[in-house]
Amino acid sequence: MLFRSSTVRDITSTTRLPAFGSRSTMLTYIQSLLEEQSGGLRTALVIIADQRSVGMVTIRHWKFGPSSIGYWVLPPSRGKGVATQAVIAAVCGLINDRQQIQAIVDTRNKASLRVVEHCGFVRDPENDMPGALAFTVGSTGLPPQEKP
């Protein structure tokens, strides 16, 4: 379901990004993701479902502390378990015995809260932020292999 993106063209030619700024802003953001990926700081993956790109998962690797995960799925693919499957695949492919991955989820984003719970993340209230809840997965256990 996932493939590792390697160039701006990989992403822009196959994925319609959510509108969070001008095209130039989006391309600059994508380029920064890819530069971080080439430097080993980030893993950027395009979500493929039904032979189409439908979203993205990124994992930021910090020198100290847990890595952080972010993801989005285009509206037509939401509510079908795509994000859950993609996050499980990304986490299982990257996690090791000593690593933790953290998700910070906006409290208003009920779908994303369900995704992290279905993927085996556990609440980490010590790292909550205003308006956002923290979850971790990792050294205390791996996410389930199948969607519940």
N, C-alpha and C. Protein backbone atom coordinates (compact mmCIF):
# COMPACT_ATOMS: atom_id res chain seq x y z
N MET A 1 0.80 -1.19 0.00
CA MET A 1 0.00 0.00 0.00
C MET A 1 0.85 1.26 0.00
N LEU A 2 2.06 1.22 0.52
CA LEU A 2 2.91 2.41 0.58
C LEU A 2 4.10 2.28 -0.35
N PHE A 3 4.58 3.41 -0.85
CA PHE A 3 5.90 3.40 -1.46
C PHE A 3 6.66 4.61 -0.98
N ARG A 4 7.94 4.46 -0.91
CA ARG A 4 8.79 5.53 -0.42
C ARG A 4 8.99 6.55 -1.55
N SER A 5 8.63 7.79 -1.29
CA SER A 5 8.79 8.81 -2.31
C SER A 5 10.23 9.29 -2.32
N SER A 6 10.72 9.65 -3.50
CA SER A 6 12.12 10.05 -3.57
C SER A 6 12.33 11.40 -4.24
N THR A 7 11.33 11.91 -4.94
CA THR A 7 11.46 13.21 -5.59
C THR A 7 10.16 13.98 -5.48
N VAL A 8 10.23 15.28 -5.70
CA VAL A 8 9.01 16.10 -5.73
C VAL A 8 8.07 15.56 -6.80
N ARG A 9 8.60 15.13 -7.94
CA ARG A 9 7.77 14.61 -9.02
C ARG A 9 7.01 13.36 -8.59
N ASP A 10 7.65 12.48 -7.79
CA ASP A 10 6.96 11.29 -7.28
C ASP A 10 5.65 11.67 -6.58
N ILE A 11 5.73 12.73 -5.79
CA ILE A 11 4.56 13.14 -5.01
C ILE A 11 3.59 13.95 -5.85
N THR A 12 4.07 14.98 -6.52
CA THR A 12 3.16 15.87 -7.22
C THR A 12 2.52 15.23 -8.45
N SER A 13 3.18 14.25 -9.06
CA SER A 13 2.59 13.64 -10.25
C SER A 13 1.53 12.60 -9.89
N THR A 14 1.52 12.15 -8.64
CA THR A 14 0.59 11.08 -8.28
C THR A 14 -0.37 11.45 -7.16
N THR A 15 -0.17 12.57 -6.51
CA THR A 15 -0.97 12.91 -5.35
C THR A 15 -1.50 14.33 -5.45
N ARG A 16 -2.79 14.48 -5.23
CA ARG A 16 -3.37 15.82 -5.10
C ARG A 16 -3.27 16.18 -3.63
N LEU A 17 -2.44 17.15 -3.32
CA LEU A 17 -2.22 17.52 -1.92
C LEU A 17 -3.38 18.34 -1.38
N PRO A 18 -3.63 18.24 -0.09
CA PRO A 18 -4.67 19.09 0.49
C PRO A 18 -4.24 20.55 0.39
N ALA A 19 -5.21 21.41 0.26
CA ALA A 19 -4.90 22.84 0.09
C ALA A 19 -4.48 23.44 1.43
N PHE A 20 -3.20 23.69 1.60
CA PHE A 20 -2.74 24.36 2.81
C PHE A 20 -1.84 25.52 2.44
N GLY A 21 -1.96 26.02 1.23
CA GLY A 21 -1.18 27.16 0.79
C GLY A 21 -1.09 27.17 -0.71
N SER A 22 -0.29 28.08 -1.22
CA SER A 22 -0.11 28.18 -2.67
C SER A 22 0.66 26.98 -3.19
N ARG A 23 0.64 26.78 -4.50
CA ARG A 23 1.39 25.69 -5.11
C ARG A 23 2.87 25.81 -4.74
N SER A 24 3.39 27.02 -4.78
CA SER A 24 4.79 27.25 -4.44
C SER A 24 5.08 26.84 -2.99
N THR A 25 4.17 27.19 -2.08
CA THR A 25 4.33 26.81 -0.67
C THR A 25 4.32 25.30 -0.52
N MET A 26 3.39 24.64 -1.22
CA MET A 26 3.31 23.18 -1.12
C MET A 26 4.57 22.53 -1.67
N LEU A 27 5.07 23.02 -2.81
CA LEU A 27 6.28 22.44 -3.39
C LEU A 27 7.49 22.65 -2.47
N THR A 28 7.57 23.81 -1.85
CA THR A 28 8.65 24.07 -0.90
C THR A 28 8.56 23.11 0.28
N TYR A 29 7.34 22.89 0.77
CA TYR A 29 7.13 21.95 1.88
C TYR A 29 7.55 20.53 1.47
N ILE A 30 7.12 20.09 0.31
CA ILE A 30 7.48 18.76 -0.18
C ILE A 30 8.99 18.63 -0.31
N GLN A 31 9.62 19.65 -0.88
CA GLN A 31 11.07 19.62 -1.04
C GLN A 31 11.77 19.50 0.30
N SER A 32 11.26 20.21 1.32
CA SER A 32 11.89 20.12 2.64
C SER A 32 11.71 18.72 3.23
N LEU A 33 10.54 18.10 3.00
CA LEU A 33 10.34 16.72 3.45
C LEU A 33 11.37 15.80 2.82
N LEU A 34 11.56 15.97 1.53
CA LEU A 34 12.46 15.08 0.81
C LEU A 34 13.92 15.31 1.18
N GLU A 35 14.29 16.56 1.45
CA GLU A 35 15.65 16.84 1.90
C GLU A 35 15.89 16.19 3.26
N GLU A 36 14.89 16.28 4.15
CA GLU A 36 15.02 15.63 5.44
C GLU A 36 15.10 14.12 5.28
N GLN A 37 14.35 13.58 4.31
CA GLN A 37 14.39 12.13 4.06
C GLN A 37 15.78 11.72 3.58
N SER A 38 16.34 12.47 2.65
CA SER A 38 17.66 12.09 2.13
C SER A 38 18.72 12.20 3.21
N GLY A 39 18.51 13.05 4.20
CA GLY A 39 19.44 13.19 5.31
C GLY A 39 19.15 12.22 6.45
N GLY A 40 18.16 11.36 6.28
CA GLY A 40 17.82 10.39 7.30
C GLY A 40 16.97 10.93 8.43
N LEU A 41 16.49 12.18 8.29
CA LEU A 41 15.71 12.79 9.36
C LEU A 41 14.23 12.49 9.26
N ARG A 42 13.76 12.11 8.07
CA ARG A 42 12.34 11.88 7.87
C ARG A 42 12.14 10.77 6.85
N THR A 43 11.08 10.00 7.06
CA THR A 43 10.65 9.01 6.08
C THR A 43 9.33 9.51 5.54
N ALA A 44 9.26 9.76 4.24
CA ALA A 44 8.03 10.24 3.59
C ALA A 44 7.52 9.15 2.67
N LEU A 45 6.28 8.73 2.90
CA LEU A 45 5.67 7.65 2.14
C LEU A 45 4.36 8.12 1.52
N VAL A 46 4.14 7.77 0.27
CA VAL A 46 2.88 8.06 -0.40
C VAL A 46 1.97 6.86 -0.18
N ILE A 47 0.71 7.09 0.15
CA ILE A 47 -0.27 6.02 0.34
C ILE A 47 -0.90 5.70 -1.00
N ILE A 48 -0.80 4.44 -1.40
CA ILE A 48 -1.39 3.97 -2.66
C ILE A 48 -2.55 3.04 -2.31
N ALA A 49 -3.71 3.31 -2.87
CA ALA A 49 -4.88 2.45 -2.70
C ALA A 49 -5.59 2.38 -4.05
N ASP A 50 -5.96 1.19 -4.46
CA ASP A 50 -6.62 1.00 -5.76
C ASP A 50 -5.80 1.62 -6.89
N GLN A 51 -4.48 1.45 -6.82
CA GLN A 51 -3.53 1.91 -7.82
C GLN A 51 -3.53 3.43 -8.00
N ARG A 52 -3.94 4.15 -6.96
CA ARG A 52 -3.90 5.61 -6.99
C ARG A 52 -3.28 6.12 -5.70
N SER A 53 -2.63 7.25 -5.79
CA SER A 53 -2.11 7.90 -4.59
C SER A 53 -3.25 8.62 -3.91
N VAL A 54 -3.42 8.33 -2.63
CA VAL A 54 -4.55 8.91 -1.91
C VAL A 54 -4.15 9.65 -0.63
N GLY A 55 -2.86 9.75 -0.36
CA GLY A 55 -2.43 10.46 0.84
C GLY A 55 -0.96 10.27 1.11
N MET A 56 -0.56 10.61 2.34
CA MET A 56 0.85 10.55 2.70
C MET A 56 1.01 10.26 4.18
N VAL A 57 2.08 9.53 4.51
CA VAL A 57 2.51 9.31 5.89
C VAL A 57 3.94 9.82 5.98
N THR A 58 4.22 10.61 7.00
CA THR A 58 5.61 11.03 7.23
C THR A 58 5.98 10.69 8.67
N ILE A 59 7.21 10.25 8.83
CA ILE A 59 7.74 10.00 10.17
C ILE A 59 9.02 10.81 10.31
N ARG A 60 9.04 11.67 11.33
CA ARG A 60 10.20 12.53 11.61
C ARG A 60 11.03 11.83 12.66
N HIS A 61 12.30 11.60 12.35
CA HIS A 61 13.22 10.91 13.25
C HIS A 61 14.02 11.95 14.02
N TRP A 62 13.79 12.03 15.31
CA TRP A 62 14.50 12.97 16.17
C TRP A 62 15.73 12.29 16.76
N LYS A 63 16.77 13.06 17.01
CA LYS A 63 17.99 12.50 17.58
C LYS A 63 17.73 11.96 18.98
N PHE A 64 16.92 12.68 19.75
CA PHE A 64 16.58 12.25 21.10
C PHE A 64 15.06 12.18 21.21
N GLY A 65 14.56 11.21 21.92
CA GLY A 65 13.12 11.08 22.11
C GLY A 65 12.47 10.31 20.98
N PRO A 66 11.14 10.15 21.07
CA PRO A 66 10.44 9.35 20.07
C PRO A 66 10.37 10.04 18.72
N SER A 67 10.28 9.25 17.66
CA SER A 67 10.00 9.80 16.34
C SER A 67 8.55 10.26 16.34
N SER A 68 8.18 11.13 15.40
CA SER A 68 6.80 11.60 15.34
C SER A 68 6.20 11.25 13.97
N ILE A 69 4.92 10.90 13.97
CA ILE A 69 4.23 10.49 12.75
C ILE A 69 3.12 11.48 12.43
N GLY A 70 2.94 11.71 11.15
CA GLY A 70 1.83 12.53 10.65
C GLY A 70 1.29 11.86 9.40
N TYR A 71 0.04 12.11 9.10
CA TYR A 71 -0.57 11.46 7.93
C TYR A 71 -1.80 12.24 7.50
N TRP A 72 -2.16 12.08 6.24
CA TRP A 72 -3.42 12.62 5.71
C TRP A 72 -3.89 11.73 4.57
N VAL A 73 -5.20 11.73 4.36
CA VAL A 73 -5.82 10.95 3.29
C VAL A 73 -6.83 11.85 2.58
N LEU A 74 -6.85 11.78 1.26
CA LEU A 74 -7.81 12.58 0.50
C LEU A 74 -9.25 12.20 0.87
N PRO A 75 -10.17 13.15 0.84
CA PRO A 75 -11.56 12.89 1.25
C PRO A 75 -12.22 11.66 0.63
N PRO A 76 -12.08 11.38 -0.67
CA PRO A 76 -12.78 10.21 -1.22
C PRO A 76 -12.32 8.87 -0.61
N SER A 77 -11.15 8.85 -0.01
CA SER A 77 -10.61 7.60 0.56
C SER A 77 -10.76 7.52 2.07
N ARG A 78 -11.35 8.53 2.67
CA ARG A 78 -11.52 8.53 4.12
C ARG A 78 -12.64 7.59 4.54
N GLY A 79 -12.55 7.09 5.77
CA GLY A 79 -13.59 6.23 6.31
C GLY A 79 -13.55 4.81 5.79
N LYS A 80 -12.48 4.43 5.12
CA LYS A 80 -12.35 3.10 4.53
C LYS A 80 -11.21 2.29 5.14
N GLY A 81 -10.60 2.80 6.19
CA GLY A 81 -9.49 2.10 6.82
C GLY A 81 -8.15 2.32 6.16
N VAL A 82 -8.10 3.21 5.17
CA VAL A 82 -6.85 3.45 4.44
C VAL A 82 -5.78 4.03 5.37
N ALA A 83 -6.12 5.05 6.15
CA ALA A 83 -5.13 5.66 7.05
C ALA A 83 -4.66 4.64 8.08
N THR A 84 -5.58 3.87 8.63
CA THR A 84 -5.21 2.86 9.63
C THR A 84 -4.22 1.87 9.05
N GLN A 85 -4.52 1.33 7.87
CA GLN A 85 -3.63 0.36 7.24
C GLN A 85 -2.27 0.99 6.91
N ALA A 86 -2.28 2.23 6.44
CA ALA A 86 -1.02 2.89 6.09
C ALA A 86 -0.16 3.16 7.31
N VAL A 87 -0.77 3.61 8.39
CA VAL A 87 -0.01 3.89 9.61
C VAL A 87 0.56 2.59 10.19
N ILE A 88 -0.23 1.53 10.21
CA ILE A 88 0.27 0.24 10.69
C ILE A 88 1.46 -0.21 9.84
N ALA A 89 1.33 -0.13 8.53
CA ALA A 89 2.42 -0.55 7.63
C ALA A 89 3.67 0.29 7.87
N ALA A 90 3.51 1.59 8.01
CA ALA A 90 4.66 2.48 8.22
C ALA A 90 5.33 2.20 9.56
N VAL A 91 4.53 2.07 10.61
CA VAL A 91 5.08 1.83 11.94
C VAL A 91 5.77 0.47 12.00
N CYS A 92 5.13 -0.57 11.50
CA CYS A 92 5.73 -1.91 11.54
C CYS A 92 7.01 -1.96 10.72
N GLY A 93 7.09 -1.19 9.66
CA GLY A 93 8.27 -1.19 8.82
C GLY A 93 9.43 -0.43 9.41
N LEU A 94 9.18 0.44 10.41
CA LEU A 94 10.23 1.32 10.92
C LEU A 94 10.59 1.11 12.37
N ILE A 95 9.72 0.49 13.11
CA ILE A 95 9.93 0.42 14.56
C ILE A 95 10.95 -0.66 14.91
N ASN A 96 11.66 -0.45 15.98
CA ASN A 96 12.56 -1.47 16.51
C ASN A 96 12.38 -1.55 18.01
N ASP A 97 13.12 -2.42 18.66
CA ASP A 97 12.92 -2.66 20.09
C ASP A 97 13.13 -1.44 20.97
N ARG A 98 13.94 -0.50 20.55
CA ARG A 98 14.26 0.65 21.39
C ARG A 98 13.52 1.91 20.97
N GLN A 99 12.86 1.90 19.86
CA GLN A 99 12.27 3.11 19.31
C GLN A 99 10.80 3.25 19.69
N GLN A 100 10.40 4.48 19.89
CA GLN A 100 8.99 4.80 20.07
C GLN A 100 8.60 5.79 18.98
N ILE A 101 7.34 5.75 18.58
CA ILE A 101 6.80 6.71 17.63
C ILE A 101 5.63 7.40 18.30
N GLN A 102 5.61 8.71 18.18
CA GLN A 102 4.59 9.52 18.84
C GLN A 102 3.67 10.16 17.80
N ALA A 103 2.39 10.22 18.12
CA ALA A 103 1.41 10.94 17.31
C ALA A 103 0.78 12.00 18.19
N ILE A 104 0.72 13.23 17.70
CA ILE A 104 0.04 14.32 18.38
C ILE A 104 -1.21 14.60 17.54
N VAL A 105 -2.39 14.42 18.14
CA VAL A 105 -3.64 14.49 17.39
C VAL A 105 -4.53 15.59 17.94
N ASP A 106 -5.00 16.45 17.04
CA ASP A 106 -5.94 17.51 17.38
C ASP A 106 -7.19 16.87 18.00
N THR A 107 -7.63 17.39 19.13
CA THR A 107 -8.78 16.81 19.82
C THR A 107 -10.06 16.86 18.99
N ARG A 108 -10.13 17.76 18.01
CA ARG A 108 -11.32 17.86 17.16
C ARG A 108 -11.31 16.85 16.03
N ASN A 109 -10.18 16.19 15.78
CA ASN A 109 -10.05 15.27 14.67
C ASN A 109 -10.40 13.84 15.14
N LYS A 110 -11.69 13.59 15.23
CA LYS A 110 -12.17 12.29 15.76
C LYS A 110 -11.70 11.12 14.91
N ALA A 111 -11.65 11.27 13.59
CA ALA A 111 -11.19 10.18 12.72
C ALA A 111 -9.74 9.83 13.00
N SER A 112 -8.90 10.83 13.18
CA SER A 112 -7.49 10.57 13.45
C SER A 112 -7.30 9.96 14.84
N LEU A 113 -8.13 10.36 15.79
CA LEU A 113 -8.07 9.73 17.11
C LEU A 113 -8.39 8.24 17.01
N ARG A 114 -9.37 7.88 16.16
CA ARG A 114 -9.69 6.46 15.95
C ARG A 114 -8.54 5.73 15.27
N VAL A 115 -7.88 6.39 14.31
CA VAL A 115 -6.75 5.76 13.61
C VAL A 115 -5.67 5.35 14.60
N VAL A 116 -5.22 6.29 15.44
CA VAL A 116 -4.12 5.95 16.35
C VAL A 116 -4.53 4.88 17.35
N GLU A 117 -5.77 4.92 17.79
CA GLU A 117 -6.24 3.88 18.72
C GLU A 117 -6.29 2.52 18.02
N HIS A 118 -6.78 2.46 16.78
CA HIS A 118 -6.82 1.19 16.04
C HIS A 118 -5.43 0.67 15.73
N CYS A 119 -4.45 1.55 15.68
CA CYS A 119 -3.09 1.15 15.34
C CYS A 119 -2.27 0.74 16.56
N GLY A 120 -2.87 0.74 17.73
CA GLY A 120 -2.17 0.28 18.91
C GLY A 120 -1.42 1.35 19.67
N PHE A 121 -1.57 2.61 19.30
CA PHE A 121 -0.95 3.70 20.06
C PHE A 121 -1.66 3.80 21.41
N VAL A 122 -0.93 4.18 22.43
CA VAL A 122 -1.52 4.37 23.75
C VAL A 122 -1.37 5.83 24.16
N ARG A 123 -2.30 6.30 24.95
CA ARG A 123 -2.27 7.70 25.41
C ARG A 123 -0.99 7.98 26.19
N ASP A 124 -0.45 9.16 25.95
CA ASP A 124 0.77 9.63 26.61
C ASP A 124 0.49 11.04 27.14
N PRO A 125 -0.34 11.15 28.19
CA PRO A 125 -0.81 12.46 28.64
C PRO A 125 0.30 13.42 29.07
N GLU A 126 1.46 12.90 29.43
CA GLU A 126 2.56 13.79 29.82
C GLU A 126 3.03 14.67 28.66
N ASN A 127 2.75 14.24 27.43
CA ASN A 127 3.18 15.00 26.26
C ASN A 127 2.03 15.68 25.52
N ASP A 128 0.84 15.76 26.14
CA ASP A 128 -0.27 16.48 25.53
C ASP A 128 0.11 17.95 25.31
N MET A 129 -0.55 18.55 24.34
CA MET A 129 -0.36 19.97 24.04
C MET A 129 -1.73 20.63 24.09
N PRO A 130 -1.80 21.95 24.19
CA PRO A 130 -3.12 22.59 24.18
C PRO A 130 -3.90 22.21 22.92
N GLY A 131 -5.07 21.61 23.10
CA GLY A 131 -5.91 21.23 21.97
C GLY A 131 -5.49 19.96 21.25
N ALA A 132 -4.48 19.26 21.78
CA ALA A 132 -3.99 18.06 21.11
C ALA A 132 -3.59 17.00 22.14
N LEU A 133 -3.86 15.75 21.80
CA LEU A 133 -3.52 14.63 22.66
C LEU A 133 -2.31 13.88 22.11
N ALA A 134 -1.47 13.39 23.00
CA ALA A 134 -0.28 12.64 22.59
C ALA A 134 -0.53 11.14 22.76
N PHE A 135 -0.01 10.38 21.79
CA PHE A 135 -0.09 8.92 21.81
C PHE A 135 1.29 8.38 21.43
N THR A 136 1.66 7.21 21.96
CA THR A 136 2.91 6.57 21.55
C THR A 136 2.70 5.09 21.29
N VAL A 137 3.58 4.55 20.47
CA VAL A 137 3.66 3.12 20.22
C VAL A 137 5.14 2.81 20.08
N GLY A 138 5.52 1.61 20.45
CA GLY A 138 6.94 1.29 20.28
C GLY A 138 7.42 0.23 21.21
N SER A 139 8.37 0.60 22.06
CA SER A 139 9.04 -0.40 22.87
C SER A 139 8.09 -1.18 23.79
N THR A 140 6.92 -0.62 24.04
CA THR A 140 5.96 -1.35 24.88
C THR A 140 5.05 -2.25 24.08
N GLY A 141 5.18 -2.25 22.77
CA GLY A 141 4.35 -3.13 21.96
C GLY A 141 4.20 -2.61 20.54
N LEU A 142 3.92 -3.51 19.65
CA LEU A 142 3.72 -3.15 18.24
C LEU A 142 2.24 -3.06 17.94
N PRO A 143 1.87 -2.28 16.90
CA PRO A 143 0.48 -2.21 16.53
C PRO A 143 -0.01 -3.54 15.97
N PRO A 144 -1.32 -3.76 15.93
CA PRO A 144 -1.84 -5.00 15.37
C PRO A 144 -1.51 -5.12 13.89
N GLN A 145 -1.45 -6.33 13.40
CA GLN A 145 -1.10 -6.56 11.98
C GLN A 145 -2.29 -6.37 11.05
N GLU A 146 -3.48 -6.43 11.58
CA GLU A 146 -4.67 -6.28 10.75
C GLU A 146 -5.57 -5.24 11.37
N LYS A 147 -6.39 -4.61 10.52
CA LYS A 147 -7.36 -3.66 11.01
C LYS A 147 -8.35 -4.38 11.91
N PRO A 148 -8.62 -3.83 13.12
CA PRO A 148 -9.54 -4.48 14.03
C PRO A 148 -10.95 -4.55 13.46
